[in-house]
Amino acid sequence: MNEKKLSDKEKSLFGKELNPSNILPQKLTMGSKIKFRCHPGVRCFTACCGGIKIVLTPYDILELTKRLDMPAHEFLHKFTEPTYLEKTDMPGVQLKLRQEDNKCPFVTPEGCTVYSDRPTACRYYPVGMADFHEGGTRDADGNESASEEEKFFFIVKEEHCKGFEEDKVWTIEEWRADQGVDVRDEMNMEWLRLVMRRKSFGHQASLSDQAKRMFFMASTDLASFRRFIFESSFLDTYEIDEETTEKIRTDDVELMHFSFVYLAATLFGAQVLKIREEKVQAKMKEMEARQDESVLSSIKEYEELKTEREKQKTEKK
């Protein structure tokens, strides 16, 4: 990794700085007030749009591809580069910064060209949210859970940012609503839980290459995931009701949420998808057949060995 990348500011999914010196040591709630405003008249306008790592969530990708009117695979190739999520082996993507100025590909001196559809991390700044899923309790399916009271927020304050000198005062809740963070959190929640659950496992076990490919496809390319559902044996294997089937056939947001359910089932064994009974029976018969073949093979090997030993005894006589 080159020195330039090493010196870049690293931001997590929520725009949280990894350098703790920029985080104010104050635990905030929804009702806490902050003084901040960002607009074209601020001297540092767009300064925070360079030298950063903006990881994209599935909903970020969905909204940006719709905004740019391009298929996901083309968007990923043109505007992103691969990364790993939250220090795990789960593959994801981050915005690919321009080579000439190391800035976001969508920023201009006049501001963000995709502002109304900008990524989640951009919306959070300068407010960060604590990683409240880590170390949380688990529900009956083994999913991470946390109460509303466990959420807390903090301020990321960097020297270059002059937005704190503005006279606009609002609560954390008002800021989140204004920036559309509350909607993004709802859209991203189940996917983030998958990432945080994987992170809680540490490096004790690694995902298979097949699992990584499936996670990446479902997280970044809904068109490919839809083809996987409707052009493979998926619907013959799992019991999916007609209403859900029709929703995921035509509604991208419904499909995205369904992908989170599928990933929870396949990656972590959550009991959220039911395999058709005939498939279960067929699998059991296949296993029994394999066992029978194994037993017959063992018997055959034993008989051959026995015959060989008797032949050797006869030859010795």
C-alpha atoms as a PDB file:
ATOM      1  CA  MET A   1       0.000   0.000   0.000  1.00  0.00           C
ATOM      2  CA  ASN A   2       1.429   3.391  -0.937  1.00  0.00           C
ATOM      3  CA  GLU A   3       2.076   6.277   1.460  1.00  0.00           C
ATOM      4  CA  LYS A   4      -0.819   8.261   0.025  1.00  0.00           C
ATOM      5  CA  LYS A   5      -3.298   5.557   0.912  1.00  0.00           C
ATOM      6  CA  LEU A   6      -1.785   5.089   4.336  1.00  0.00           C
ATOM      7  CA  SER A   7      -2.306   8.781   5.065  1.00  0.00           C
ATOM      8  CA  ASP A   8      -5.906   8.832   3.822  1.00  0.00           C
ATOM      9  CA  LYS A   9      -8.693   9.236   6.354  1.00  0.00           C
ATOM     10  CA  GLU A  10     -10.343   5.889   6.913  1.00  0.00           C
ATOM     11  CA  LYS A  11     -14.107   6.008   7.385  1.00  0.00           C
ATOM     12  CA  SER A  12     -16.348   3.121   8.360  1.00  0.00           C
ATOM     13  CA  LEU A  13     -19.849   2.395   7.116  1.00  0.00           C
ATOM     14  CA  PHE A  14     -21.143   5.202   9.318  1.00  0.00           C
ATOM     15  CA  GLY A  15     -18.429   7.707   8.404  1.00  0.00           C
ATOM     16  CA  LYS A  16     -16.721   7.192  11.759  1.00  0.00           C
ATOM     17  CA  GLU A  17     -13.080   8.214  11.877  1.00  0.00           C
ATOM     18  CA  LEU A  18     -10.662   5.477  12.898  1.00  0.00           C
ATOM     19  CA  ASN A  19      -8.404   8.174  14.337  1.00  0.00           C
ATOM     20  CA  PRO A  20      -9.878   8.698  17.829  1.00  0.00           C
ATOM     21  CA  SER A  21      -8.341  12.187  18.145  1.00  0.00           C
ATOM     22  CA  ASN A  22     -11.081  13.483  15.841  1.00  0.00           C
ATOM     23  CA  ILE A  23     -13.887  12.004  17.935  1.00  0.00           C
ATOM     24  CA  LEU A  24     -15.194  14.236  20.694  1.00  0.00           C
ATOM     25  CA  PRO A  25     -15.333  12.271  23.976  1.00  0.00           C
ATOM     26  CA  GLN A  26     -19.018  12.816  24.554  1.00  0.00           C
ATOM     27  CA  LYS A  27     -21.818  10.282  24.429  1.00  0.00           C
ATOM     28  CA  LEU A  28     -24.854  11.761  22.687  1.00  0.00           C
ATOM     29  CA  THR A  29     -28.497  10.742  22.439  1.00  0.00           C
ATOM     30  CA  MET A  30     -31.243  11.526  19.938  1.00  0.00           C
ATOM     31  CA  GLY A  31     -32.142  14.597  21.970  1.00  0.00           C
ATOM     32  CA  SER A  32     -28.595  15.975  22.231  1.00  0.00           C
ATOM     33  CA  LYS A  33     -28.027  19.268  20.430  1.00  0.00           C
ATOM     34  CA  ILE A  34     -25.269  19.998  17.948  1.00  0.00           C
ATOM     35  CA  LYS A  35     -24.201  23.222  16.255  1.00  0.00           C
ATOM     36  CA  PHE A  36     -23.348  22.524  12.633  1.00  0.00           C
ATOM     37  CA  ARG A  37     -24.257  23.418   9.066  1.00  0.00           C
ATOM     38  CA  CYS A  38     -22.689  22.604   5.712  1.00  0.00           C
ATOM     39  CA  HIS A  39     -23.457  24.622   2.572  1.00  0.00           C
ATOM     40  CA  PRO A  40     -21.634  26.071  -0.483  1.00  0.00           C
ATOM     41  CA  GLY A  41     -20.779  29.238   1.424  1.00  0.00           C
ATOM     42  CA  VAL A  42     -18.646  27.417   4.001  1.00  0.00           C
ATOM     43  CA  ARG A  43     -14.908  27.894   3.346  1.00  0.00           C
ATOM     44  CA  CYS A  44     -14.182  24.175   3.537  1.00  0.00           C
ATOM     45  CA  PHE A  45     -17.000  23.162   1.176  1.00  0.00           C
ATOM     46  CA  THR A  46     -16.272  19.681  -0.348  1.00  0.00           C
ATOM     47  CA  ALA A  47     -12.949  19.406   1.558  1.00  0.00           C
ATOM     48  CA  CYS A  48     -14.346  16.339   3.347  1.00  0.00           C
ATOM     49  CA  CYS A  49     -14.993  14.620  -0.013  1.00  0.00           C
ATOM     50  CA  GLY A  50     -11.365  13.654  -0.608  1.00  0.00           C
ATOM     51  CA  GLY A  51      -8.887  11.234   0.924  1.00  0.00           C
ATOM     52  CA  ILE A  52     -11.705   9.143   2.353  1.00  0.00           C
ATOM     53  CA  LYS A  53     -12.949   5.585   2.303  1.00  0.00           C
ATOM     54  CA  ILE A  54     -16.673   5.446   1.569  1.00  0.00           C
ATOM     55  CA  VAL A  55     -17.936   1.883   1.776  1.00  0.00           C
ATOM     56  CA  LEU A  56     -21.197   1.378  -0.081  1.00  0.00           C
ATOM     57  CA  THR A  57     -24.136  -0.527   1.362  1.00  0.00           C
ATOM     58  CA  PRO A  58     -26.547  -2.493  -0.876  1.00  0.00           C
ATOM     59  CA  TYR A  59     -29.095   0.336  -0.646  1.00  0.00           C
ATOM     60  CA  ASP A  60     -26.428   2.906  -1.566  1.00  0.00           C
ATOM     61  CA  ILE A  61     -25.647   0.910  -4.709  1.00  0.00           C
ATOM     62  CA  LEU A  62     -29.320   0.462  -5.552  1.00  0.00           C
ATOM     63  CA  GLU A  63     -30.036   4.192  -5.316  1.00  0.00           C
ATOM     64  CA  LEU A  64     -26.914   5.270  -7.176  1.00  0.00           C
ATOM     65  CA  THR A  65     -27.467   2.856 -10.067  1.00  0.00           C
ATOM     66  CA  LYS A  66     -31.044   4.114 -10.409  1.00  0.00           C
ATOM     67  CA  ARG A  67     -29.822   7.717 -10.275  1.00  0.00           C
ATOM     68  CA  LEU A  68     -27.157   7.106 -12.945  1.00  0.00           C
ATOM     69  CA  ASP A  69     -29.417   4.794 -14.966  1.00  0.00           C
ATOM     70  CA  MET A  70     -26.791   2.093 -15.363  1.00  0.00           C
ATOM     71  CA  PRO A  71     -26.678  -1.611 -14.474  1.00  0.00           C
ATOM     72  CA  ALA A  72     -24.924  -2.559 -11.251  1.00  0.00           C
ATOM     73  CA  HIS A  73     -22.037  -4.380 -12.948  1.00  0.00           C
ATOM     74  CA  GLU A  74     -21.219  -1.286 -15.007  1.00  0.00           C
ATOM     75  CA  PHE A  75     -21.464   0.993 -11.958  1.00  0.00           C
ATOM     76  CA  LEU A  76     -19.210  -1.290  -9.912  1.00  0.00           C
ATOM     77  CA  HIS A  77     -16.591  -1.401 -12.671  1.00  0.00           C
ATOM     78  CA  LYS A  78     -16.584   2.351 -13.299  1.00  0.00           C
ATOM     79  CA  PHE A  79     -16.998   3.882  -9.841  1.00  0.00           C
ATOM     80  CA  THR A  80     -15.910   1.360  -7.196  1.00  0.00           C
ATOM     81  CA  GLU A  81     -13.049  -0.815  -6.067  1.00  0.00           C
ATOM     82  CA  PRO A  82     -13.071  -3.932  -3.850  1.00  0.00           C
ATOM     83  CA  THR A  83     -12.595  -3.819  -0.105  1.00  0.00           C
ATOM     84  CA  TYR A  84     -13.292  -5.946   2.953  1.00  0.00           C
ATOM     85  CA  LEU A  85     -16.036  -4.930   5.350  1.00  0.00           C
ATOM     86  CA  GLU A  86     -15.307  -3.946   8.963  1.00  0.00           C
ATOM     87  CA  LYS A  87     -12.101  -6.012   9.249  1.00  0.00           C
ATOM     88  CA  THR A  88     -13.788  -9.243   8.138  1.00  0.00           C
ATOM     89  CA  ASP A  89     -13.358 -11.527   5.133  1.00  0.00           C
ATOM     90  CA  MET A  90     -16.703 -10.340   3.745  1.00  0.00           C
ATOM     91  CA  PRO A  91     -16.156  -8.687   0.338  1.00  0.00           C
ATOM     92  CA  GLY A  92     -17.646  -5.298  -0.452  1.00  0.00           C
ATOM     93  CA  VAL A  93     -16.950  -2.173  -2.478  1.00  0.00           C
ATOM     94  CA  GLN A  94     -15.905   1.394  -1.798  1.00  0.00           C
ATOM     95  CA  LEU A  95     -16.044   4.451  -4.032  1.00  0.00           C
ATOM     96  CA  LYS A  96     -12.998   4.706  -6.292  1.00  0.00           C
ATOM     97  CA  LEU A  97     -11.471   8.153  -5.830  1.00  0.00           C
ATOM     98  CA  ARG A  98     -10.291  10.164  -8.819  1.00  0.00           C
ATOM     99  CA  GLN A  99      -6.589   9.713  -9.511  1.00  0.00           C
ATOM    100  CA  GLU A 100      -5.970  13.364 -10.342  1.00  0.00           C
ATOM    101  CA  ASP A 101      -7.166  14.813  -7.006  1.00  0.00           C
ATOM    102  CA  ASN A 102      -7.979  11.811  -4.772  1.00  0.00           C
ATOM    103  CA  LYS A 103     -11.614  12.953  -4.438  1.00  0.00           C
ATOM    104  CA  CYS A 104     -15.005  11.310  -4.754  1.00  0.00           C
ATOM    105  CA  PRO A 105     -15.921  10.770  -8.429  1.00  0.00           C
ATOM    106  CA  PHE A 106     -19.221  12.592  -7.909  1.00  0.00           C
ATOM    107  CA  VAL A 107     -17.939  15.788  -6.300  1.00  0.00           C
ATOM    108  CA  THR A 108     -17.324  19.083  -8.127  1.00  0.00           C
ATOM    109  CA  PRO A 109     -16.335  22.556  -6.826  1.00  0.00           C
ATOM    110  CA  GLU A 110     -20.065  23.338  -6.803  1.00  0.00           C
ATOM    111  CA  GLY A 111     -20.890  20.308  -4.666  1.00  0.00           C
ATOM    112  CA  CYS A 112     -22.079  16.711  -4.961  1.00  0.00           C
ATOM    113  CA  THR A 113     -23.676  15.786  -8.283  1.00  0.00           C
ATOM    114  CA  VAL A 114     -25.649  12.907  -6.699  1.00  0.00           C
ATOM    115  CA  TYR A 115     -26.459  14.690  -3.451  1.00  0.00           C
ATOM    116  CA  SER A 116     -30.051  13.451  -3.005  1.00  0.00           C
ATOM    117  CA  ASP A 117     -28.817   9.863  -3.539  1.00  0.00           C
ATOM    118  CA  ARG A 118     -25.424  10.189  -1.805  1.00  0.00           C
ATOM    119  CA  PRO A 119     -24.084   7.210   0.215  1.00  0.00           C
ATOM    120  CA  THR A 120     -24.990   6.545   3.839  1.00  0.00           C
ATOM    121  CA  ALA A 121     -21.518   7.424   5.165  1.00  0.00           C
ATOM    122  CA  CYS A 122     -21.718  10.882   3.585  1.00  0.00           C
ATOM    123  CA  ARG A 123     -25.073  11.505   5.246  1.00  0.00           C
ATOM    124  CA  TYR A 124     -23.770  10.690   8.712  1.00  0.00           C
ATOM    125  CA  TYR A 125     -20.876  13.134   8.786  1.00  0.00           C
ATOM    126  CA  PRO A 126     -20.114  14.715  11.249  1.00  0.00           C
ATOM    127  CA  VAL A 127     -22.318  12.518  13.447  1.00  0.00           C
ATOM    128  CA  GLY A 128     -21.204   8.960  14.087  1.00  0.00           C
ATOM    129  CA  MET A 129     -23.172   6.111  15.604  1.00  0.00           C
ATOM    130  CA  ALA A 130     -21.682   3.618  18.034  1.00  0.00           C
ATOM    131  CA  ASP A 131     -21.227   0.061  16.882  1.00  0.00           C
ATOM    132  CA  PHE A 132     -24.101  -1.062  19.081  1.00  0.00           C
ATOM    133  CA  HIS A 133     -24.492  -4.532  17.517  1.00  0.00           C
ATOM    134  CA  GLU A 134     -21.057  -5.746  18.558  1.00  0.00           C
ATOM    135  CA  GLY A 135     -21.117  -7.586  21.838  1.00  0.00           C
ATOM    136  CA  GLY A 136     -24.911  -7.472  21.857  1.00  0.00           C
ATOM    137  CA  THR A 137     -27.248 -10.248  22.823  1.00  0.00           C
ATOM    138  CA  ARG A 138     -28.632 -12.795  20.369  1.00  0.00           C
ATOM    139  CA  ASP A 139     -32.204 -13.734  19.634  1.00  0.00           C
ATOM    140  CA  ALA A 140     -33.626 -17.244  19.180  1.00  0.00           C
ATOM    141  CA  ASP A 141     -32.190 -17.456  15.649  1.00  0.00           C
ATOM    142  CA  GLY A 142     -28.752 -16.358  16.801  1.00  0.00           C
ATOM    143  CA  ASN A 143     -29.053 -12.865  15.324  1.00  0.00           C
ATOM    144  CA  GLU A 144     -27.439  -9.898  17.021  1.00  0.00           C
ATOM    145  CA  SER A 145     -29.957  -7.749  18.858  1.00  0.00           C
ATOM    146  CA  ALA A 146     -29.785  -4.479  20.722  1.00  0.00           C
ATOM    147  CA  SER A 147     -32.315  -2.223  22.370  1.00  0.00           C
ATOM    148  CA  GLU A 148     -32.916   1.363  21.353  1.00  0.00           C
ATOM    149  CA  GLU A 149     -31.338   2.466  24.629  1.00  0.00           C
ATOM    150  CA  GLU A 150     -28.018   0.905  23.589  1.00  0.00           C
ATOM    151  CA  LYS A 151     -27.628   3.266  20.653  1.00  0.00           C
ATOM    152  CA  PHE A 152     -25.530   6.354  21.173  1.00  0.00           C
ATOM    153  CA  PHE A 153     -23.900   8.930  18.953  1.00  0.00           C
ATOM    154  CA  PHE A 154     -20.758  11.056  18.857  1.00  0.00           C
ATOM    155  CA  ILE A 155     -19.299  13.956  16.914  1.00  0.00           C
ATOM    156  CA  VAL A 156     -16.377  13.692  14.500  1.00  0.00           C
ATOM    157  CA  LYS A 157     -14.651  17.093  14.484  1.00  0.00           C
ATOM    158  CA  GLU A 158     -11.779  17.669  12.083  1.00  0.00           C
ATOM    159  CA  GLU A 159      -9.591  20.760  11.883  1.00  0.00           C
ATOM    160  CA  HIS A 160     -10.495  21.579   8.294  1.00  0.00           C
ATOM    161  CA  CYS A 161     -14.265  21.542   8.924  1.00  0.00           C
ATOM    162  CA  LYS A 162     -15.761  25.025   9.377  1.00  0.00           C
ATOM    163  CA  GLY A 163     -19.336  23.792   9.592  1.00  0.00           C
ATOM    164  CA  PHE A 164     -19.081  23.915  13.375  1.00  0.00           C
ATOM    165  CA  GLU A 165     -18.665  27.691  13.184  1.00  0.00           C
ATOM    166  CA  GLU A 166     -22.142  28.079  11.656  1.00  0.00           C
ATOM    167  CA  ASP A 167     -25.082  29.172  13.818  1.00  0.00           C
ATOM    168  CA  LYS A 168     -27.478  26.303  12.998  1.00  0.00           C
ATOM    169  CA  VAL A 169     -28.484  24.287  16.094  1.00  0.00           C
ATOM    170  CA  TRP A 170     -30.492  21.066  16.003  1.00  0.00           C
ATOM    171  CA  THR A 171     -30.849  17.770  17.824  1.00  0.00           C
ATOM    172  CA  ILE A 172     -29.235  14.535  16.647  1.00  0.00           C
ATOM    173  CA  GLU A 173     -32.706  13.297  15.743  1.00  0.00           C
ATOM    174  CA  GLU A 174     -33.402  16.393  13.644  1.00  0.00           C
ATOM    175  CA  TRP A 175     -30.037  16.108  11.918  1.00  0.00           C
ATOM    176  CA  ARG A 176     -30.607  12.442  11.062  1.00  0.00           C
ATOM    177  CA  ALA A 177     -34.058  13.164   9.647  1.00  0.00           C
ATOM    178  CA  ASP A 178     -32.760  16.115   7.621  1.00  0.00           C
ATOM    179  CA  GLN A 179     -29.939  14.049   6.135  1.00  0.00           C
ATOM    180  CA  GLY A 180     -32.105  10.987   5.486  1.00  0.00           C
ATOM    181  CA  VAL A 181     -30.007   8.864   7.825  1.00  0.00           C
ATOM    182  CA  ASP A 182     -33.059   7.419   9.587  1.00  0.00           C
ATOM    183  CA  VAL A 183     -34.317   5.958   6.288  1.00  0.00           C
ATOM    184  CA  ARG A 184     -30.864   4.627   5.394  1.00  0.00           C
ATOM    185  CA  ASP A 185     -30.478   2.989   8.790  1.00  0.00           C
ATOM    186  CA  GLU A 186     -33.752   1.142   8.297  1.00  0.00           C
ATOM    187  CA  MET A 187     -32.702  -0.005   4.836  1.00  0.00           C
ATOM    188  CA  ASN A 188     -29.193  -1.031   5.886  1.00  0.00           C
ATOM    189  CA  MET A 189     -29.953  -2.557   9.289  1.00  0.00           C
ATOM    190  CA  GLU A 190     -30.206  -6.273   8.452  1.00  0.00           C
ATOM    191  CA  TRP A 191     -27.200  -6.159   6.138  1.00  0.00           C
ATOM    192  CA  LEU A 192     -25.105  -4.424   8.786  1.00  0.00           C
ATOM    193  CA  ARG A 193     -26.148  -7.055  11.290  1.00  0.00           C
ATOM    194  CA  LEU A 194     -24.745  -9.714   8.976  1.00  0.00           C
ATOM    195  CA  VAL A 195     -21.434  -7.848   8.783  1.00  0.00           C
ATOM    196  CA  MET A 196     -21.268  -7.232  12.531  1.00  0.00           C
ATOM    197  CA  ARG A 197     -22.173 -10.816  13.299  1.00  0.00           C
ATOM    198  CA  ARG A 198     -19.363 -11.987  11.061  1.00  0.00           C
ATOM    199  CA  LYS A 199     -17.004  -9.516  12.727  1.00  0.00           C
ATOM    200  CA  SER A 200     -17.893 -10.903  16.160  1.00  0.00           C
ATOM    201  CA  PHE A 201     -16.578 -14.321  15.054  1.00  0.00           C
ATOM    202  CA  GLY A 202     -13.086 -12.897  14.603  1.00  0.00           C
ATOM    203  CA  HIS A 203     -10.620 -14.923  12.541  1.00  0.00           C
ATOM    204  CA  GLN A 204     -11.584 -18.280  14.000  1.00  0.00           C
ATOM    205  CA  ALA A 205     -13.093 -19.461  10.728  1.00  0.00           C
ATOM    206  CA  SER A 206     -13.131 -18.149   7.192  1.00  0.00           C
ATOM    207  CA  LEU A 207     -15.947 -18.041   4.671  1.00  0.00           C
ATOM    208  CA  SER A 208     -15.686 -20.388   1.710  1.00  0.00           C
ATOM    209  CA  ASP A 209     -15.025 -18.862  -1.693  1.00  0.00           C
ATOM    210  CA  GLN A 210     -18.548 -19.810  -2.734  1.00  0.00           C
ATOM    211  CA  ALA A 211     -20.019 -18.041   0.317  1.00  0.00           C
ATOM    212  CA  LYS A 212     -17.955 -14.928  -0.423  1.00  0.00           C
ATOM    213  CA  ARG A 213     -19.131 -14.878  -4.036  1.00  0.00           C
ATOM    214  CA  MET A 214     -22.761 -15.243  -2.992  1.00  0.00           C
ATOM    215  CA  PHE A 215     -22.476 -12.508  -0.364  1.00  0.00           C
ATOM    216  CA  PHE A 216     -20.838 -10.161  -2.867  1.00  0.00           C
ATOM    217  CA  MET A 217     -23.411 -10.827  -5.588  1.00  0.00           C
ATOM    218  CA  ALA A 218     -26.410 -10.407  -3.277  1.00  0.00           C
ATOM    219  CA  SER A 219     -24.916  -7.239  -1.751  1.00  0.00           C
ATOM    220  CA  THR A 220     -23.902  -5.474  -4.941  1.00  0.00           C
ATOM    221  CA  ASP A 221     -25.844  -6.757  -7.962  1.00  0.00           C
ATOM    222  CA  LEU A 222     -29.573  -7.304  -7.450  1.00  0.00           C
ATOM    223  CA  ALA A 223     -30.137  -8.111 -11.121  1.00  0.00           C
ATOM    224  CA  SER A 224     -27.799 -11.100 -10.844  1.00  0.00           C
ATOM    225  CA  PHE A 225     -29.385 -12.145  -7.557  1.00  0.00           C
ATOM    226  CA  ARG A 226     -32.843 -12.000  -9.170  1.00  0.00           C
ATOM    227  CA  ARG A 227     -31.632 -14.252 -12.009  1.00  0.00           C
ATOM    228  CA  PHE A 228     -30.235 -16.648  -9.421  1.00  0.00           C
ATOM    229  CA  ILE A 229     -33.668 -16.907  -7.803  1.00  0.00           C
ATOM    230  CA  PHE A 230     -35.791 -17.227 -10.908  1.00  0.00           C
ATOM    231  CA  GLU A 231     -33.448 -19.007 -13.325  1.00  0.00           C
ATOM    232  CA  SER A 232     -32.010 -21.667 -11.019  1.00  0.00           C
ATOM    233  CA  SER A 233     -33.540 -24.399  -8.863  1.00  0.00           C
ATOM    234  CA  PHE A 234     -33.945 -21.912  -5.976  1.00  0.00           C
ATOM    235  CA  LEU A 235     -37.769 -21.809  -5.977  1.00  0.00           C
ATOM    236  CA  ASP A 236     -37.881 -25.609  -6.305  1.00  0.00           C
ATOM    237  CA  THR A 237     -35.682 -25.912  -3.239  1.00  0.00           C
ATOM    238  CA  TYR A 238     -37.166 -23.322  -0.848  1.00  0.00           C
ATOM    239  CA  GLU A 239     -40.784 -22.731   0.153  1.00  0.00           C
ATOM    240  CA  ILE A 240     -41.463 -19.110  -0.824  1.00  0.00           C
ATOM    241  CA  ASP A 241     -45.080 -17.923  -0.752  1.00  0.00           C
ATOM    242  CA  GLU A 242     -46.619 -16.453  -3.891  1.00  0.00           C
ATOM    243  CA  GLU A 243     -46.918 -12.932  -2.481  1.00  0.00           C
ATOM    244  CA  THR A 244     -43.218 -12.779  -1.625  1.00  0.00           C
ATOM    245  CA  THR A 245     -42.293 -14.334  -4.961  1.00  0.00           C
ATOM    246  CA  GLU A 246     -44.172 -11.637  -6.882  1.00  0.00           C
ATOM    247  CA  LYS A 247     -42.717  -8.854  -4.746  1.00  0.00           C
ATOM    248  CA  ILE A 248     -39.118  -9.895  -5.295  1.00  0.00           C
ATOM    249  CA  ARG A 249     -39.803 -10.407  -8.998  1.00  0.00           C
ATOM    250  CA  THR A 250     -40.643  -6.721  -9.535  1.00  0.00           C
ATOM    251  CA  ASP A 251     -39.593  -4.680  -6.483  1.00  0.00           C
ATOM    252  CA  ASP A 252     -35.856  -4.059  -6.006  1.00  0.00           C
ATOM    253  CA  VAL A 253     -36.176  -2.964  -2.373  1.00  0.00           C
ATOM    254  CA  GLU A 254     -38.164  -6.100  -1.515  1.00  0.00           C
ATOM    255  CA  LEU A 255     -35.556  -8.165  -3.333  1.00  0.00           C
ATOM    256  CA  MET A 256     -32.762  -6.450  -1.394  1.00  0.00           C
ATOM    257  CA  HIS A 257     -34.415  -7.231   1.949  1.00  0.00           C
ATOM    258  CA  PHE A 258     -35.025 -10.810   0.831  1.00  0.00           C
ATOM    259  CA  SER A 259     -31.325 -11.130   0.000  1.00  0.00           C
ATOM    260  CA  PHE A 260     -30.505 -10.309   3.623  1.00  0.00           C
ATOM    261  CA  VAL A 261     -32.827 -13.106   4.762  1.00  0.00           C
ATOM    262  CA  TYR A 262     -31.207 -15.536   2.336  1.00  0.00           C
ATOM    263  CA  LEU A 263     -27.684 -14.574   3.434  1.00  0.00           C
ATOM    264  CA  ALA A 264     -28.593 -14.962   7.115  1.00  0.00           C
ATOM    265  CA  ALA A 265     -29.843 -18.477   6.358  1.00  0.00           C
ATOM    266  CA  THR A 266     -26.954 -19.610   4.183  1.00  0.00           C
ATOM    267  CA  LEU A 267     -24.066 -17.921   6.009  1.00  0.00           C
ATOM    268  CA  PHE A 268     -25.188 -18.283   9.615  1.00  0.00           C
ATOM    269  CA  GLY A 269     -27.879 -20.978   9.581  1.00  0.00           C
ATOM    270  CA  ALA A 270     -30.710 -18.678  10.696  1.00  0.00           C
ATOM    271  CA  GLN A 271     -34.017 -20.571  10.565  1.00  0.00           C
ATOM    272  CA  VAL A 272     -35.737 -18.111   8.252  1.00  0.00           C
ATOM    273  CA  LEU A 273     -36.103 -20.112   5.031  1.00  0.00           C
ATOM    274  CA  LYS A 274     -37.784 -23.496   4.824  1.00  0.00           C
ATOM    275  CA  ILE A 275     -36.540 -26.159   2.425  1.00  0.00           C
ATOM    276  CA  ARG A 276     -39.281 -28.048   0.619  1.00  0.00           C
ATOM    277  CA  GLU A 277     -40.079 -31.403   2.258  1.00  0.00           C
ATOM    278  CA  GLU A 278     -39.510 -33.361  -0.958  1.00  0.00           C
ATOM    279  CA  LYS A 279     -36.021 -31.875  -1.198  1.00  0.00           C
ATOM    280  CA  VAL A 280     -35.281 -32.897   2.369  1.00  0.00           C
ATOM    281  CA  GLN A 281     -36.488 -36.444   1.689  1.00  0.00           C
ATOM    282  CA  ALA A 282     -34.473 -36.623  -1.523  1.00  0.00           C
ATOM    283  CA  LYS A 283     -31.361 -35.480   0.331  1.00  0.00           C
ATOM    284  CA  MET A 284     -31.901 -38.064   3.047  1.00  0.00           C
ATOM    285  CA  LYS A 285     -32.280 -40.826   0.437  1.00  0.00           C
ATOM    286  CA  GLU A 286     -29.114 -39.591  -1.250  1.00  0.00           C
ATOM    287  CA  MET A 287     -27.247 -39.774   2.064  1.00  0.00           C
ATOM    288  CA  GLU A 288     -28.653 -43.234   2.787  1.00  0.00           C
ATOM    289  CA  ALA A 289     -27.629 -44.387  -0.680  1.00  0.00           C
ATOM    290  CA  ARG A 290     -24.120 -43.098  -0.095  1.00  0.00           C
ATOM    291  CA  GLN A 291     -24.005 -44.907   3.236  1.00  0.00           C
ATOM    292  CA  ASP A 292     -25.227 -48.113   1.585  1.00  0.00           C
ATOM    293  CA  GLU A 293     -22.598 -47.754  -1.126  1.00  0.00           C
ATOM    294  CA  SER A 294     -19.962 -47.190   1.538  1.00  0.00           C
ATOM    295  CA  VAL A 295     -21.073 -50.274   3.462  1.00  0.00           C
ATOM    296  CA  LEU A 296     -21.160 -52.425   0.298  1.00  0.00           C
ATOM    297  CA  SER A 297     -17.725 -51.125  -0.665  1.00  0.00           C
ATOM    298  CA  SER A 298     -16.343 -51.996   2.763  1.00  0.00           C
ATOM    299  CA  ILE A 299     -17.862 -55.492   2.571  1.00  0.00           C
ATOM    300  CA  LYS A 300     -16.402 -55.991  -0.895  1.00  0.00           C
ATOM    301  CA  GLU A 301     -12.944 -54.879   0.278  1.00  0.00           C
ATOM    302  CA  TYR A 302     -13.215 -57.229   3.263  1.00  0.00           C
ATOM    303  CA  GLU A 303     -14.223 -60.171   1.068  1.00  0.00           C
ATOM    304  CA  GLU A 304     -11.382 -59.474  -1.372  1.00  0.00           C
ATOM    305  CA  LEU A 305      -8.896 -59.239   1.494  1.00  0.00           C
ATOM    306  CA  LYS A 306     -10.247 -62.452   3.000  1.00  0.00           C
ATOM    307  CA  THR A 307      -9.974 -64.256  -0.357  1.00  0.00           C
ATOM    308  CA  GLU A 308      -6.409 -63.009  -0.816  1.00  0.00           C
ATOM    309  CA  ARG A 309      -5.369 -64.253   2.633  1.00  0.00           C
ATOM    310  CA  GLU A 310      -6.932 -67.699   2.050  1.00  0.00           C
ATOM    311  CA  LYS A 311      -5.105 -67.881  -1.296  1.00  0.00           C
ATOM    312  CA  GLN A 312      -1.803 -67.056   0.411  1.00  0.00           C
ATOM    313  CA  LYS A 313      -2.393 -69.788   3.019  1.00  0.00           C
ATOM    314  CA  THR A 314      -3.107 -72.350   0.278  1.00  0.00           C
ATOM    315  CA  GLU A 315       0.069 -71.397  -1.611  1.00  0.00           C
ATOM    316  CA  LYS A 316       2.173 -71.806   1.566  1.00  0.00           C
ATOM    317  CA  LYS A 317       0.930 -75.369   1.967  1.00  0.00           C
END
